[in-house]
Amino acid sequence: MNLLKDEAYVYINELINEGKIKYGEIYFINNIAAELNMSRTPVREAIHKLSDENRIDILPSRGFRMHYLTEDEILQLYHFSSAIEGYCAARLAETYKSQGNSSYVVQLKALVEKMRSSDLEQISFKEFYFLDNEFHRVLISSLEDNYLINLNDSKKGFPDRPEIHLIENFISKLDILQAHQRILDAICSGDPAEAFLAMLSHADILLRCYKSNKNTIVSITNEYATDI
């Protein structure tokens, strides 16, 4: 049963990461079970696991839908990115000033170049946000601190949260590319303060996007509350 639950979890998780589960739409266990040719039970268990991770919301007797981050959740992401990733960027800039390229800076350059060379209108949701998530993951990994890496992987940071970009009119791919380029340029300038500010600016963009969509998010959250 656990194998089936894991299979269902991976399948639904991929649907989210590929942008195939849309905000505001309701999805049903029976349909997912039929697609996977398995019973409802492992699918239900997978959905509960995703709900525990705050990636989806379960609507009793109706199905499930994408989770809208609460104000507390978005602030947690903002603080994590500002404090931890800002520190990572500053440390990389300090290292770059004294030692030049590190393997982490090389990886960041490759990710930004791949993003820049892509057709932003045609690149798939999954591919673009893989590059986005990898950029942040490399920043965290540069500290070589297993505690922070594990914390990041536990979905307390911005990486592996592509679904927040599915909110209508949230943030453009171009905005993300420009933010990543600014962080990379600041790191390569060898200026720790500028690198920290560049990361803070990136986090600020996401926070402003959240606030500009707050009325829509609150409306959907309230609708969910009346469904229960």
Protein backbone atom coordinates (compact mmCIF):
# COMPACT_ATOMS: atom_id res chain seq x y z
CA MET A 1 0.00 0.00 0.00
CA ASN A 2 2.83 2.38 0.83
CA LEU A 3 4.27 1.85 -2.65
CA LEU A 4 0.96 2.83 -4.21
CA LYS A 5 0.66 5.83 -1.90
CA ASP A 6 4.15 6.93 -2.89
CA GLU A 7 3.32 6.47 -6.56
CA ALA A 8 0.19 8.59 -6.17
CA TYR A 9 2.13 11.22 -4.22
CA VAL A 10 4.81 11.51 -6.91
CA TYR A 11 2.15 11.66 -9.63
CA ILE A 12 0.13 14.47 -8.00
CA ASN A 13 3.31 16.31 -7.05
CA GLU A 14 4.39 16.20 -10.71
CA LEU A 15 1.01 17.58 -11.80
CA ILE A 16 1.60 20.54 -9.48
CA ASN A 17 5.19 21.05 -10.63
CA GLU A 18 4.13 20.95 -14.27
CA GLY A 19 1.43 23.56 -13.70
CA LYS A 20 -1.35 21.11 -14.59
CA ILE A 21 -3.27 21.70 -11.37
CA LYS A 22 -4.78 25.17 -11.60
CA TYR A 23 -5.72 27.57 -8.82
CA GLY A 24 -9.44 27.77 -8.09
CA GLU A 25 -10.26 24.44 -9.78
CA ILE A 26 -11.49 21.42 -7.83
CA TYR A 27 -10.02 17.95 -8.46
CA PHE A 28 -11.42 14.59 -7.43
CA ILE A 29 -9.86 11.50 -5.89
CA ASN A 30 -11.84 9.18 -8.17
CA ASN A 31 -10.39 10.80 -11.29
CA ILE A 32 -6.80 10.57 -10.03
CA ALA A 33 -7.34 6.96 -8.97
CA ALA A 34 -8.69 6.12 -12.42
CA GLU A 35 -5.73 7.78 -14.12
CA LEU A 36 -3.38 5.69 -11.98
CA ASN A 37 -5.50 2.54 -12.19
CA MET A 38 -5.53 2.12 -8.41
CA SER A 39 -8.04 2.31 -5.59
CA ARG A 40 -9.04 5.51 -3.79
CA THR A 41 -7.22 4.63 -0.56
CA PRO A 42 -3.57 5.24 -1.62
CA VAL A 43 -4.63 8.34 -3.54
CA ARG A 44 -6.42 9.68 -0.47
CA GLU A 45 -3.32 9.02 1.65
CA ALA A 46 -1.14 10.85 -0.88
CA ILE A 47 -3.51 13.80 -0.89
CA HIS A 48 -3.43 13.98 2.91
CA LYS A 49 0.37 14.03 2.80
CA LEU A 50 0.32 16.91 0.31
CA SER A 51 -2.22 18.67 2.50
CA ASP A 52 0.10 18.27 5.51
CA GLU A 53 2.80 19.96 3.38
CA ASN A 54 0.36 22.82 2.62
CA ARG A 55 0.51 22.21 -1.11
CA ILE A 56 -3.18 21.42 -1.50
CA ASP A 57 -6.38 22.04 0.46
CA ILE A 58 -8.88 19.23 1.02
CA LEU A 59 -12.54 20.16 0.56
CA PRO A 60 -14.63 17.68 2.59
CA SER A 61 -16.99 15.66 0.37
CA ARG A 62 -15.90 17.68 -2.66
CA GLY A 63 -12.26 16.94 -3.54
CA PHE A 64 -9.13 19.04 -3.30
CA ARG A 65 -7.57 22.12 -4.84
CA MET A 66 -4.33 24.06 -4.84
CA HIS A 67 -3.35 25.61 -1.52
CA TYR A 68 -3.26 29.38 -1.30
CA LEU A 69 -0.52 30.51 1.03
CA THR A 70 -1.74 32.44 4.06
CA GLU A 71 -0.20 35.76 5.04
CA ASP A 72 1.80 34.02 7.76
CA GLU A 73 3.13 31.45 5.27
CA ILE A 74 4.19 34.04 2.71
CA LEU A 75 5.91 36.07 5.42
CA GLN A 76 7.75 32.95 6.55
CA LEU A 77 8.98 32.43 2.99
CA TYR A 78 9.92 36.10 2.78
CA HIS A 79 11.89 36.04 6.02
CA PHE A 80 13.66 32.82 5.07
CA SER A 81 14.69 34.15 1.69
CA SER A 82 15.70 37.56 3.01
CA ALA A 83 17.72 36.30 5.97
CA ILE A 84 19.17 32.94 4.93
CA GLU A 85 19.48 33.32 1.17
CA GLY A 86 20.64 36.92 1.57
CA TYR A 87 23.41 35.68 3.85
CA CYS A 88 24.30 32.96 1.32
CA ALA A 89 24.58 35.52 -1.47
CA ALA A 90 26.73 37.79 0.72
CA ARG A 91 29.07 34.92 1.61
CA LEU A 92 29.42 33.93 -2.05
CA ALA A 93 30.30 37.53 -2.92
CA GLU A 94 32.91 37.61 -0.17
CA THR A 95 34.42 34.35 -1.41
CA TYR A 96 34.33 35.55 -5.02
CA LYS A 97 36.24 38.70 -4.07
CA SER A 98 39.08 36.71 -2.54
CA GLN A 99 39.07 33.52 -4.62
CA GLY A 100 37.14 34.17 -7.84
CA ASN A 101 34.76 31.56 -9.24
CA SER A 102 33.62 28.76 -6.97
CA SER A 103 31.68 25.70 -8.11
CA TYR A 104 28.52 27.31 -6.75
CA VAL A 105 29.01 30.53 -8.71
CA VAL A 106 29.66 28.45 -11.83
CA GLN A 107 26.35 26.66 -11.25
CA LEU A 108 24.50 29.94 -10.71
CA LYS A 109 25.97 31.37 -13.93
CA ALA A 110 24.89 28.28 -15.90
CA LEU A 111 21.34 28.47 -14.52
CA VAL A 112 20.97 32.18 -15.30
CA GLU A 113 22.42 31.69 -18.78
CA LYS A 114 20.03 28.82 -19.50
CA MET A 115 17.12 30.91 -18.27
CA ARG A 116 18.28 33.90 -20.33
CA SER A 117 18.75 31.87 -23.51
CA SER A 118 15.27 30.36 -23.24
CA ASP A 119 12.22 31.72 -25.01
CA LEU A 120 10.32 32.94 -21.97
CA GLU A 121 7.04 32.79 -23.88
CA GLN A 122 7.54 29.18 -24.96
CA ILE A 123 9.49 27.51 -22.16
CA SER A 124 7.34 25.08 -20.19
CA PHE A 125 6.21 25.90 -16.68
CA LYS A 126 8.06 22.86 -15.32
CA GLU A 127 11.36 23.66 -17.03
CA PHE A 128 11.42 27.35 -16.10
CA TYR A 129 10.60 26.83 -12.47
CA PHE A 130 13.08 23.99 -12.22
CA LEU A 131 15.73 26.56 -13.16
CA ASP A 132 14.23 29.00 -10.67
CA ASN A 133 14.21 26.44 -7.85
CA GLU A 134 17.72 25.25 -8.68
CA PHE A 135 19.06 28.80 -8.40
CA HIS A 136 17.76 29.07 -4.84
CA ARG A 137 18.85 25.54 -3.98
CA VAL A 138 22.42 26.28 -5.08
CA LEU A 139 22.45 29.44 -2.97
CA ILE A 140 21.49 27.44 0.13
CA SER A 141 23.86 24.58 -0.72
CA SER A 142 26.77 27.02 -0.95
CA LEU A 143 26.89 27.22 2.86
CA GLU A 144 27.43 23.46 2.98
CA ASP A 145 25.30 23.38 6.13
CA ASN A 146 23.19 20.21 6.24
CA TYR A 147 20.77 21.72 8.75
CA LEU A 148 19.85 24.58 6.42
CA ILE A 149 19.78 22.31 3.38
CA ASN A 150 17.35 19.98 5.16
CA LEU A 151 15.30 22.95 6.37
CA ASN A 152 15.08 24.22 2.82
CA ASP A 153 14.06 20.79 1.53
CA SER A 154 11.30 20.67 4.14
CA LYS A 155 9.52 23.39 2.11
CA LYS A 156 10.25 26.20 4.57
CA GLY A 157 12.05 28.22 1.89
CA PHE A 158 11.12 29.53 -1.55
CA PRO A 159 12.53 26.57 -3.53
CA ASP A 160 10.20 23.75 -4.55
CA ARG A 161 7.18 26.02 -4.33
CA PRO A 162 6.43 26.51 -8.03
CA GLU A 163 2.71 26.62 -7.34
CA ILE A 164 2.89 30.15 -5.91
CA HIS A 165 3.75 31.29 -9.43
CA LEU A 166 0.48 29.86 -10.71
CA ILE A 167 -1.51 32.56 -8.94
CA GLU A 168 -2.94 34.77 -11.66
CA ASN A 169 -0.86 37.90 -12.34
CA PHE A 170 1.61 36.92 -9.61
CA ILE A 171 5.13 37.41 -10.99
CA SER A 172 6.47 37.25 -14.53
CA LYS A 173 9.27 35.01 -15.75
CA LEU A 174 11.14 38.10 -16.88
CA ASP A 175 10.97 39.57 -13.37
CA ILE A 176 12.47 36.36 -11.98
CA LEU A 177 15.23 36.28 -14.59
CA GLN A 178 16.14 39.91 -13.90
CA ALA A 179 16.17 39.30 -10.13
CA HIS A 180 18.47 36.29 -10.53
CA GLN A 181 20.76 38.25 -12.85
CA ARG A 182 21.02 41.07 -10.33
CA ILE A 183 21.93 38.62 -7.54
CA LEU A 184 24.55 36.94 -9.72
CA ASP A 185 26.02 40.28 -10.83
CA ALA A 186 26.26 41.41 -7.22
CA ILE A 187 27.99 38.19 -6.20
CA CYS A 188 30.46 38.55 -9.05
CA SER A 189 31.13 42.17 -8.06
CA GLY A 190 32.59 40.84 -4.84
CA ASP A 191 30.36 43.17 -2.80
CA PRO A 192 28.66 41.24 0.05
CA ALA A 193 26.36 44.14 0.97
CA GLU A 194 25.15 44.54 -2.62
CA ALA A 195 24.61 40.77 -2.92
CA PHE A 196 22.51 40.75 0.25
CA LEU A 197 20.45 43.71 -1.00
CA ALA A 198 19.93 42.02 -4.37
CA MET A 199 18.51 38.94 -2.65
CA LEU A 200 16.36 41.15 -0.42
CA SER A 201 15.03 42.91 -3.51
CA HIS A 202 14.06 39.56 -5.02
CA ALA A 203 12.17 38.60 -1.86
CA ASP A 204 10.52 42.03 -1.82
CA ILE A 205 9.19 41.49 -5.35
CA LEU A 206 7.47 38.27 -4.27
CA LEU A 207 6.04 39.91 -1.16
CA ARG A 208 4.66 42.82 -3.20
CA CYS A 209 3.12 40.37 -5.69
CA TYR A 210 1.43 38.57 -2.81
CA LYS A 211 0.07 41.81 -1.39
CA SER A 212 -1.25 42.92 -4.78
CA ASN A 213 -3.15 39.62 -5.04
CA LYS A 214 -4.23 39.55 -1.40
CA ASN A 215 -7.88 40.39 -2.05
CA THR A 216 -8.18 37.50 -4.52
CA ILE A 217 -6.43 35.12 -2.14
CA VAL A 218 -8.57 36.16 0.83
CA SER A 219 -11.71 35.77 -1.28
CA ILE A 220 -10.81 32.19 -2.25
CA THR A 221 -9.76 31.35 1.32
CA ASN A 222 -13.08 32.62 2.64
CA GLU A 223 -14.94 30.60 0.00
CA TYR A 224 -13.07 27.51 1.18
CA ALA A 225 -14.10 28.27 4.77
CA THR A 226 -17.81 28.37 3.80
CA ASP A 227 -17.42 25.05 1.95
CA ILE A 228 -16.51 23.32 5.21
